[in-house]
C-alpha atoms as a PDB file:
ATOM      1  CA  MET A   1       1.681  32.501  30.935  1.00  0.00           C
ATOM      2  CA  ASP A   2      -2.153  31.312  31.389  1.00  0.00           C
ATOM      3  CA  LEU A   3      -2.400  27.598  29.991  1.00  0.00           C
ATOM      4  CA  LEU A   4      -6.109  28.082  29.053  1.00  0.00           C
ATOM      5  CA  LEU A   5      -7.112  25.100  31.075  1.00  0.00           C
ATOM      6  CA  SER A   6      -9.863  26.479  32.995  1.00  0.00           C
ATOM      7  CA  ASP A   7     -12.580  24.774  31.601  1.00  0.00           C
ATOM      8  CA  LYS A   8     -10.833  21.251  31.246  1.00  0.00           C
ATOM      9  CA  THR A   9     -11.038  18.441  33.306  1.00  0.00           C
ATOM     10  CA  ALA A  10      -8.058  16.247  33.896  1.00  0.00           C
ATOM     11  CA  PHE A  11      -7.341  12.674  34.970  1.00  0.00           C
ATOM     12  CA  VAL A  12      -4.399  11.933  36.028  1.00  0.00           C
ATOM     13  CA  SER A  13      -3.171   7.869  37.089  1.00  0.00           C
ATOM     14  CA  GLY A  14      -1.103   7.222  40.484  1.00  0.00           C
ATOM     15  CA  SER A  15      -1.299  10.926  41.265  1.00  0.00           C
ATOM     16  CA  THR A  16      -0.760  10.659  45.220  1.00  0.00           C
ATOM     17  CA  ALA A  17       2.856  11.357  45.599  1.00  0.00           C
ATOM     18  CA  GLY A  18       5.964  12.060  42.774  1.00  0.00           C
ATOM     19  CA  ILE A  19       5.702  13.004  39.158  1.00  0.00           C
ATOM     20  CA  GLY A  20       1.868  12.505  39.190  1.00  0.00           C
ATOM     21  CA  PHE A  21       1.102  14.525  42.252  1.00  0.00           C
ATOM     22  CA  ALA A  22       3.252  17.402  40.966  1.00  0.00           C
ATOM     23  CA  ILE A  23       1.536  16.730  37.573  1.00  0.00           C
ATOM     24  CA  ALA A  24      -2.026  16.944  39.435  1.00  0.00           C
ATOM     25  CA  GLU A  25      -0.414  20.289  41.649  1.00  0.00           C
ATOM     26  CA  ARG A  26       0.492  21.680  38.341  1.00  0.00           C
ATOM     27  CA  LEU A  27      -2.793  21.403  36.374  1.00  0.00           C
ATOM     28  CA  ALA A  28      -4.634  22.742  39.336  1.00  0.00           C
ATOM     29  CA  ARG A  29      -2.921  25.619  39.627  1.00  0.00           C
ATOM     30  CA  GLU A  30      -3.842  26.438  36.182  1.00  0.00           C
ATOM     31  CA  GLY A  31      -7.472  26.158  37.153  1.00  0.00           C
ATOM     32  CA  ALA A  32      -7.935  22.622  35.911  1.00  0.00           C
ATOM     33  CA  ALA A  33     -10.645  20.474  37.608  1.00  0.00           C
ATOM     34  CA  VAL A  34      -8.463  17.325  38.384  1.00  0.00           C
ATOM     35  CA  ILE A  35      -9.057  13.478  39.855  1.00  0.00           C
ATOM     36  CA  VAL A  36      -5.805  12.334  41.149  1.00  0.00           C
ATOM     37  CA  ASN A  37      -5.662   8.396  41.564  1.00  0.00           C
ATOM     38  CA  GLY A  38      -4.110   5.952  44.211  1.00  0.00           C
ATOM     39  CA  ARG A  39      -4.475   2.809  45.027  1.00  0.00           C
ATOM     40  CA  THR A  40      -5.992   3.682  48.623  1.00  0.00           C
ATOM     41  CA  GLN A  41      -8.809   6.325  49.792  1.00  0.00           C
ATOM     42  CA  GLN A  42      -6.139   7.705  52.733  1.00  0.00           C
ATOM     43  CA  ARG A  43      -3.309   8.329  49.956  1.00  0.00           C
ATOM     44  CA  VAL A  44      -5.910   9.721  47.689  1.00  0.00           C
ATOM     45  CA  GLU A  45      -7.437  11.875  50.624  1.00  0.00           C
ATOM     46  CA  ASN A  46      -3.593  13.162  51.866  1.00  0.00           C
ATOM     47  CA  ALA A  47      -2.809  14.200  47.981  1.00  0.00           C
ATOM     48  CA  ILE A  48      -6.098  16.609  47.782  1.00  0.00           C
ATOM     49  CA  ALA A  49      -5.132  17.707  51.009  1.00  0.00           C
ATOM     50  CA  ALA A  50      -2.157  18.635  50.047  1.00  0.00           C
ATOM     51  CA  VAL A  51      -3.029  20.001  46.832  1.00  0.00           C
ATOM     52  CA  LYS A  52      -5.876  22.531  48.660  1.00  0.00           C
ATOM     53  CA  THR A  53      -3.122  23.680  50.656  1.00  0.00           C
ATOM     54  CA  ALA A  54      -1.118  24.392  47.936  1.00  0.00           C
ATOM     55  CA  ALA A  55      -3.679  26.060  45.801  1.00  0.00           C
ATOM     56  CA  PRO A  56      -6.686  26.448  48.243  1.00  0.00           C
ATOM     57  CA  ASP A  57      -9.208  27.475  45.044  1.00  0.00           C
ATOM     58  CA  ALA A  58      -8.183  24.263  43.450  1.00  0.00           C
ATOM     59  CA  ARG A  59     -11.136  21.752  41.754  1.00  0.00           C
ATOM     60  CA  ILE A  60      -9.978  18.585  42.797  1.00  0.00           C
ATOM     61  CA  GLN A  61     -11.618  14.911  43.364  1.00  0.00           C
ATOM     62  CA  GLY A  62     -10.210  11.535  44.306  1.00  0.00           C
ATOM     63  CA  PHE A  63     -10.263   7.835  42.928  1.00  0.00           C
ATOM     64  CA  ALA A  64      -8.934   4.942  45.098  1.00  0.00           C
ATOM     65  CA  ALA A  65      -8.371   2.069  43.043  1.00  0.00           C
ATOM     66  CA  ASP A  66      -5.379   0.335  41.508  1.00  0.00           C
ATOM     67  CA  LEU A  67      -5.801   0.856  37.720  1.00  0.00           C
ATOM     68  CA  GLY A  68      -3.808  -1.771  36.698  1.00  0.00           C
ATOM     69  CA  SER A  69      -7.083  -3.863  36.561  1.00  0.00           C
ATOM     70  CA  SER A  70      -9.552  -3.740  34.037  1.00  0.00           C
ATOM     71  CA  ALA A  71     -12.118  -2.946  36.516  1.00  0.00           C
ATOM     72  CA  ALA A  72     -10.848  -0.549  38.569  1.00  0.00           C
ATOM     73  CA  ALA A  73     -10.221   1.472  34.779  1.00  0.00           C
ATOM     74  CA  ALA A  74     -13.736   0.461  33.432  1.00  0.00           C
ATOM     75  CA  GLU A  75     -14.957   2.245  36.997  1.00  0.00           C
ATOM     76  CA  ALA A  76     -12.751   5.094  36.664  1.00  0.00           C
ATOM     77  CA  ILE A  77     -14.467   5.961  33.309  1.00  0.00           C
ATOM     78  CA  ARG A  78     -18.321   5.234  34.586  1.00  0.00           C
ATOM     79  CA  ARG A  79     -17.713   7.688  37.187  1.00  0.00           C
ATOM     80  CA  PHE A  80     -15.662  10.341  35.626  1.00  0.00           C
ATOM     81  CA  PRO A  81     -16.992  10.175  32.032  1.00  0.00           C
ATOM     82  CA  HIS A  82     -15.779  13.401  30.825  1.00  0.00           C
ATOM     83  CA  VAL A  83     -12.134  14.081  30.798  1.00  0.00           C
ATOM     84  CA  ASP A  84     -10.604  16.457  28.688  1.00  0.00           C
ATOM     85  CA  ILE A  85      -6.746  15.426  29.425  1.00  0.00           C
ATOM     86  CA  LEU A  86      -5.711  11.991  30.010  1.00  0.00           C
ATOM     87  CA  VAL A  87      -2.227  11.559  32.052  1.00  0.00           C
ATOM     88  CA  ASN A  88      -1.279   8.016  32.202  1.00  0.00           C
ATOM     89  CA  ASN A  89       1.318   8.003  34.553  1.00  0.00           C
ATOM     90  CA  LEU A  90       0.833   4.739  36.749  1.00  0.00           C
ATOM     91  CA  GLY A  91       3.943   2.893  37.020  1.00  0.00           C
ATOM     92  CA  ILE A  92       5.672   0.702  39.039  1.00  0.00           C
ATOM     93  CA  PHE A  93       9.730  -0.362  38.731  1.00  0.00           C
ATOM     94  CA  GLU A  94      12.004  -2.452  40.435  1.00  0.00           C
ATOM     95  CA  ALA A  95      15.706  -3.591  40.278  1.00  0.00           C
ATOM     96  CA  LYS A  96      16.174  -7.514  38.907  1.00  0.00           C
ATOM     97  CA  PRO A  97      19.103  -9.372  36.921  1.00  0.00           C
ATOM     98  CA  PHE A  98      17.193 -10.238  34.062  1.00  0.00           C
ATOM     99  CA  GLU A  99      17.115 -14.070  34.509  1.00  0.00           C
ATOM    100  CA  GLN A 100      15.496 -13.569  38.438  1.00  0.00           C
ATOM    101  CA  ILE A 101      12.610 -12.090  36.444  1.00  0.00           C
ATOM    102  CA  PRO A 102      10.010 -14.685  35.836  1.00  0.00           C
ATOM    103  CA  ASP A 103       6.883 -14.384  33.521  1.00  0.00           C
ATOM    104  CA  GLU A 104       4.723 -12.796  36.410  1.00  0.00           C
ATOM    105  CA  ASP A 105       6.665  -9.457  36.883  1.00  0.00           C
ATOM    106  CA  TRP A 106       6.395  -9.356  32.709  1.00  0.00           C
ATOM    107  CA  VAL A 107       2.841  -9.715  33.161  1.00  0.00           C
ATOM    108  CA  ARG A 108       2.269  -7.529  36.100  1.00  0.00           C
ATOM    109  CA  PHE A 109       4.715  -4.811  34.622  1.00  0.00           C
ATOM    110  CA  PHE A 110       2.609  -4.729  31.161  1.00  0.00           C
ATOM    111  CA  GLU A 111      -0.626  -4.658  33.000  1.00  0.00           C
ATOM    112  CA  VAL A 112       0.178  -1.722  35.443  1.00  0.00           C
ATOM    113  CA  ASN A 113       2.525   0.296  33.171  1.00  0.00           C
ATOM    114  CA  VAL A 114       1.459  -0.078  29.711  1.00  0.00           C
ATOM    115  CA  LEU A 115      -2.665  -1.563  29.518  1.00  0.00           C
ATOM    116  CA  SER A 116      -3.512   0.722  32.259  1.00  0.00           C
ATOM    117  CA  GLY A 117      -2.473   3.622  29.537  1.00  0.00           C
ATOM    118  CA  VAL A 118      -4.212   1.735  26.916  1.00  0.00           C
ATOM    119  CA  ARG A 119      -7.396   0.879  28.765  1.00  0.00           C
ATOM    120  CA  LEU A 120      -8.111   4.838  29.556  1.00  0.00           C
ATOM    121  CA  SER A 121      -7.034   6.195  27.026  1.00  0.00           C
ATOM    122  CA  ARG A 122      -9.513   3.749  24.715  1.00  0.00           C
ATOM    123  CA  GLY A 123     -12.764   4.727  27.276  1.00  0.00           C
ATOM    124  CA  TYR A 124     -11.813   8.058  27.504  1.00  0.00           C
ATOM    125  CA  LEU A 125     -10.800   9.034  23.492  1.00  0.00           C
ATOM    126  CA  PRO A 126     -14.631   8.640  22.533  1.00  0.00           C
ATOM    127  CA  TYR A 127     -15.357  11.530  24.468  1.00  0.00           C
ATOM    128  CA  MET A 128     -12.813  13.653  23.024  1.00  0.00           C
ATOM    129  CA  LYS A 129     -13.486  12.516  19.621  1.00  0.00           C
ATOM    130  CA  GLU A 130     -17.371  14.010  20.248  1.00  0.00           C
ATOM    131  CA  ARG A 131     -15.762  17.204  21.517  1.00  0.00           C
ATOM    132  CA  ASN A 132     -13.129  17.396  19.063  1.00  0.00           C
ATOM    133  CA  TRP A 133     -10.688  18.333  21.246  1.00  0.00           C
ATOM    134  CA  GLY A 134      -8.226  16.702  23.777  1.00  0.00           C
ATOM    135  CA  ARG A 135      -4.444  15.288  25.372  1.00  0.00           C
ATOM    136  CA  VAL A 136      -3.460  11.787  26.122  1.00  0.00           C
ATOM    137  CA  ILE A 137      -0.158  12.312  27.419  1.00  0.00           C
ATOM    138  CA  PHE A 138       1.808   8.820  28.534  1.00  0.00           C
ATOM    139  CA  ILE A 139       4.644   9.641  31.288  1.00  0.00           C
ATOM    140  CA  SER A 140       7.513   7.469  30.091  1.00  0.00           C
ATOM    141  CA  SER A 141      11.019   7.476  30.849  1.00  0.00           C
ATOM    142  CA  GLU A 142      14.757   7.629  28.993  1.00  0.00           C
ATOM    143  CA  SER A 143      14.612   4.080  29.899  1.00  0.00           C
ATOM    144  CA  ALA A 144      12.407   3.481  26.825  1.00  0.00           C
ATOM    145  CA  LEU A 145      15.648   4.591  24.832  1.00  0.00           C
ATOM    146  CA  GLN A 146      18.413   3.212  26.714  1.00  0.00           C
ATOM    147  CA  ILE A 147      16.687  -0.172  28.185  1.00  0.00           C
ATOM    148  CA  PRO A 148      18.587  -0.253  32.022  1.00  0.00           C
ATOM    149  CA  ALA A 149      20.116  -3.776  32.101  1.00  0.00           C
ATOM    150  CA  GLU A 150      18.834  -3.797  35.977  1.00  0.00           C
ATOM    151  CA  MET A 151      15.595  -3.648  34.574  1.00  0.00           C
ATOM    152  CA  VAL A 152      14.848  -4.628  31.498  1.00  0.00           C
ATOM    153  CA  HIS A 153      11.110  -5.513  32.315  1.00  0.00           C
ATOM    154  CA  TYR A 154      10.452  -1.899  33.442  1.00  0.00           C
ATOM    155  CA  GLY A 155      12.738  -0.719  30.220  1.00  0.00           C
ATOM    156  CA  MET A 156      10.048  -2.938  27.598  1.00  0.00           C
ATOM    157  CA  THR A 157       7.327  -1.179  29.064  1.00  0.00           C
ATOM    158  CA  LYS A 158       8.506   2.379  29.058  1.00  0.00           C
ATOM    159  CA  THR A 159       8.901   1.819  25.297  1.00  0.00           C
ATOM    160  CA  ALA A 160       5.636  -0.487  24.669  1.00  0.00           C
ATOM    161  CA  GLN A 161       4.458   3.248  25.956  1.00  0.00           C
ATOM    162  CA  LEU A 162       5.919   5.365  23.464  1.00  0.00           C
ATOM    163  CA  ALA A 163       4.628   3.024  20.179  1.00  0.00           C
ATOM    164  CA  VAL A 164       0.992   2.986  22.085  1.00  0.00           C
ATOM    165  CA  ALA A 165       1.208   7.021  21.965  1.00  0.00           C
ATOM    166  CA  ARG A 166       2.090   7.344  18.793  1.00  0.00           C
ATOM    167  CA  GLY A 167      -0.144   4.431  17.404  1.00  0.00           C
ATOM    168  CA  ILE A 168      -3.245   6.447  18.746  1.00  0.00           C
ATOM    169  CA  ALA A 169      -2.176  10.050  17.662  1.00  0.00           C
ATOM    170  CA  GLU A 170      -2.026   8.042  14.099  1.00  0.00           C
ATOM    171  CA  SER A 171      -5.472   7.125  14.746  1.00  0.00           C
ATOM    172  CA  PHE A 172      -6.737  10.680  15.344  1.00  0.00           C
ATOM    173  CA  ALA A 173      -4.730  12.588  12.508  1.00  0.00           C
ATOM    174  CA  GLY A 174      -6.481  15.554  11.738  1.00  0.00           C
ATOM    175  CA  THR A 175      -8.463  16.536  14.911  1.00  0.00           C
ATOM    176  CA  ASN A 176      -7.870  18.255  17.938  1.00  0.00           C
ATOM    177  CA  ILE A 177      -6.550  15.515  19.846  1.00  0.00           C
ATOM    178  CA  THR A 178      -3.203  15.073  20.458  1.00  0.00           C
ATOM    179  CA  VAL A 179      -1.498  12.071  22.325  1.00  0.00           C
ATOM    180  CA  ASN A 180       2.244  12.299  22.990  1.00  0.00           C
ATOM    181  CA  SER A 181       4.447  11.023  25.088  1.00  0.00           C
ATOM    182  CA  VAL A 182       7.395  12.767  27.862  1.00  0.00           C
ATOM    183  CA  LEU A 183      10.228  10.499  28.558  1.00  0.00           C
ATOM    184  CA  ALA A 184      11.342  11.609  32.498  1.00  0.00           C
ATOM    185  CA  GLY A 185      14.591  10.623  33.834  1.00  0.00           C
ATOM    186  CA  PRO A 186      15.981   9.504  37.210  1.00  0.00           C
ATOM    187  CA  THR A 187      13.769  11.422  39.249  1.00  0.00           C
ATOM    188  CA  ALA A 188      13.336  11.787  42.870  1.00  0.00           C
ATOM    189  CA  SER A 189      10.222  10.028  43.375  1.00  0.00           C
ATOM    190  CA  GLU A 190       8.795   8.362  46.659  1.00  0.00           C
ATOM    191  CA  GLY A 191       9.999   5.149  44.903  1.00  0.00           C
ATOM    192  CA  VAL A 192      13.836   6.404  44.290  1.00  0.00           C
ATOM    193  CA  HIS A 193      13.359   8.314  47.699  1.00  0.00           C
ATOM    194  CA  THR A 194      13.439   4.865  49.477  1.00  0.00           C
ATOM    195  CA  PHE A 195      15.934   2.931  46.924  1.00  0.00           C
ATOM    196  CA  VAL A 196      18.173   5.651  47.881  1.00  0.00           C
ATOM    197  CA  LYS A 197      17.744   5.263  51.579  1.00  0.00           C
ATOM    198  CA  GLN A 198      17.783   1.886  51.584  1.00  0.00           C
ATOM    199  CA  VAL A 199      21.319   1.814  49.816  1.00  0.00           C
ATOM    200  CA  ALA A 200      22.327   4.529  51.767  1.00  0.00           C
ATOM    201  CA  THR A 201      21.519   2.088  54.541  1.00  0.00           C
ATOM    202  CA  ALA A 202      22.954  -0.809  53.463  1.00  0.00           C
ATOM    203  CA  GLN A 203      26.565   0.618  52.611  1.00  0.00           C
ATOM    204  CA  ASN A 204      27.005   3.198  55.534  1.00  0.00           C
ATOM    205  CA  LEU A 205      26.728   6.475  53.079  1.00  0.00           C
ATOM    206  CA  SER A 206      25.152   9.682  53.174  1.00  0.00           C
ATOM    207  CA  GLU A 207      22.140   9.808  50.518  1.00  0.00           C
ATOM    208  CA  ALA A 208      23.714  12.661  48.957  1.00  0.00           C
ATOM    209  CA  ALA A 209      26.881  10.265  48.238  1.00  0.00           C
ATOM    210  CA  VAL A 210      24.802   7.505  47.173  1.00  0.00           C
ATOM    211  CA  GLU A 211      23.182   9.736  44.329  1.00  0.00           C
ATOM    212  CA  LYS A 212      26.519  10.813  43.245  1.00  0.00           C
ATOM    213  CA  GLU A 213      27.586   7.255  42.874  1.00  0.00           C
ATOM    214  CA  PHE A 214      24.581   6.741  40.874  1.00  0.00           C
ATOM    215  CA  PHE A 215      25.251   9.374  38.508  1.00  0.00           C
ATOM    216  CA  ARG A 216      28.895   8.633  38.043  1.00  0.00           C
ATOM    217  CA  THR A 217      28.517   4.777  37.327  1.00  0.00           C
ATOM    218  CA  ILE A 218      24.510   3.834  35.969  1.00  0.00           C
ATOM    219  CA  ARG A 219      23.583   6.937  34.667  1.00  0.00           C
ATOM    220  CA  PRO A 220      26.900   8.894  33.665  1.00  0.00           C
ATOM    221  CA  THR A 221      25.587  10.511  31.109  1.00  0.00           C
ATOM    222  CA  SER A 222      23.438  12.592  32.571  1.00  0.00           C
ATOM    223  CA  LEU A 223      23.919  16.574  32.052  1.00  0.00           C
ATOM    224  CA  LEU A 224      22.112  17.360  35.375  1.00  0.00           C
ATOM    225  CA  GLY A 225      24.280  15.118  37.072  1.00  0.00           C
ATOM    226  CA  ARG A 226      21.525  14.848  40.087  1.00  0.00           C
ATOM    227  CA  PHE A 227      17.972  13.343  39.879  1.00  0.00           C
ATOM    228  CA  GLU A 228      15.389  15.919  38.584  1.00  0.00           C
ATOM    229  CA  GLN A 229      12.078  17.040  41.125  1.00  0.00           C
ATOM    230  CA  PRO A 230       8.819  16.060  40.059  1.00  0.00           C
ATOM    231  CA  GLU A 231       8.056  19.544  39.485  1.00  0.00           C
ATOM    232  CA  GLU A 232      10.480  20.005  36.598  1.00  0.00           C
ATOM    233  CA  ILE A 233       8.692  17.305  34.509  1.00  0.00           C
ATOM    234  CA  ALA A 234       5.359  18.347  35.471  1.00  0.00           C
ATOM    235  CA  HIS A 235       5.802  22.025  34.208  1.00  0.00           C
ATOM    236  CA  VAL A 236       6.332  20.255  30.467  1.00  0.00           C
ATOM    237  CA  VAL A 237       3.381  18.160  30.842  1.00  0.00           C
ATOM    238  CA  ALA A 238       1.235  21.345  31.826  1.00  0.00           C
ATOM    239  CA  PHE A 239       1.989  22.699  28.831  1.00  0.00           C
ATOM    240  CA  VAL A 240       1.785  19.979  26.353  1.00  0.00           C
ATOM    241  CA  ALA A 241      -2.089  19.214  28.061  1.00  0.00           C
ATOM    242  CA  SER A 242      -3.057  23.044  27.062  1.00  0.00           C
ATOM    243  CA  PRO A 243      -4.669  24.439  23.834  1.00  0.00           C
ATOM    244  CA  LEU A 244      -1.437  26.106  23.395  1.00  0.00           C
ATOM    245  CA  ALA A 245       0.694  23.084  22.906  1.00  0.00           C
ATOM    246  CA  SER A 246      -1.478  22.199  19.763  1.00  0.00           C
ATOM    247  CA  GLY A 247       1.238  22.051  17.378  1.00  0.00           C
ATOM    248  CA  VAL A 248       2.880  19.077  19.464  1.00  0.00           C
ATOM    249  CA  ASN A 249       1.391  15.341  18.497  1.00  0.00           C
ATOM    250  CA  GLY A 250       2.568  12.263  17.593  1.00  0.00           C
ATOM    251  CA  SER A 251       5.853  13.276  19.712  1.00  0.00           C
ATOM    252  CA  ALA A 252       8.256  11.802  22.341  1.00  0.00           C
ATOM    253  CA  LEU A 253       9.079  14.686  24.437  1.00  0.00           C
ATOM    254  CA  ARG A 254      12.412  13.930  26.440  1.00  0.00           C
ATOM    255  CA  VAL A 255      12.854  15.946  30.093  1.00  0.00           C
ATOM    256  CA  ASP A 256      15.366  13.597  30.448  1.00  0.00           C
ATOM    257  CA  GLY A 257      18.159  15.372  32.138  1.00  0.00           C
ATOM    258  CA  GLY A 258      20.935  14.726  29.046  1.00  0.00           C
ATOM    259  CA  VAL A 259      21.074  10.878  29.860  1.00  0.00           C
ATOM    260  CA  VAL A 260      20.195  10.246  26.518  1.00  0.00           C
ATOM    261  CA  ARG A 261      23.073  11.086  24.394  1.00  0.00           C
ATOM    262  CA  SER A 262      21.128  10.735  20.912  1.00  0.00           C
ATOM    263  CA  ILE A 263      19.814  14.218  18.879  1.00  0.00           C
ATOM    264  CA  ALA A 264      17.098  12.311  17.044  1.00  0.00           C
END
């Protein structure tokens, strides 16, 4: 299927690994010009090289900066002013008991997971409005609907993303700009790989055993019963980013592996 993206430019925040990288690579394969982002120049260069290895004809650039800061977001918009597709993927997570989460962590998680997308959206929507076409996609999580007790601050930010995305969509009703959220399930991202490896080492278990136990005890409602691959999220995001998805707007699309049991 041709997703009709060859004349589009996409900016994917937090895209040097995991879901963000898979999205950037998928969009590049579809012919979009893609801007990848990471915190260091080395990670950005590595991501660009990996995309070009997979798709030699990819049109891809990089932007190295921590988009959790307002200055970095402003610089991204200044350097790359013409963006048709914005994928707000940047995010951090950690497991920590609620009573041990200090104010500083709440602020940091909100700044990175929510305000990064708010700032980039606010900066790029005028260009989309001028052209009367655009796509803004927030990569949220099933944790937005089922707040995990082991990381309440993370779940809070994922819920906030749904509210922000829907509110922006309402603001641009009647235009050819769509704003959606994609709720990923537990995914085999770089951070999850590290977490699983650490637990396996600490408990003298195989990584496969740790994954099995995770879905038995922590995410027992998962219909997949395994970590999703980043590409499984990226395929859906690429469609939502395309002109073919013009009827999908203001939605929170679940690509969660069936973790959320509600059908509404």
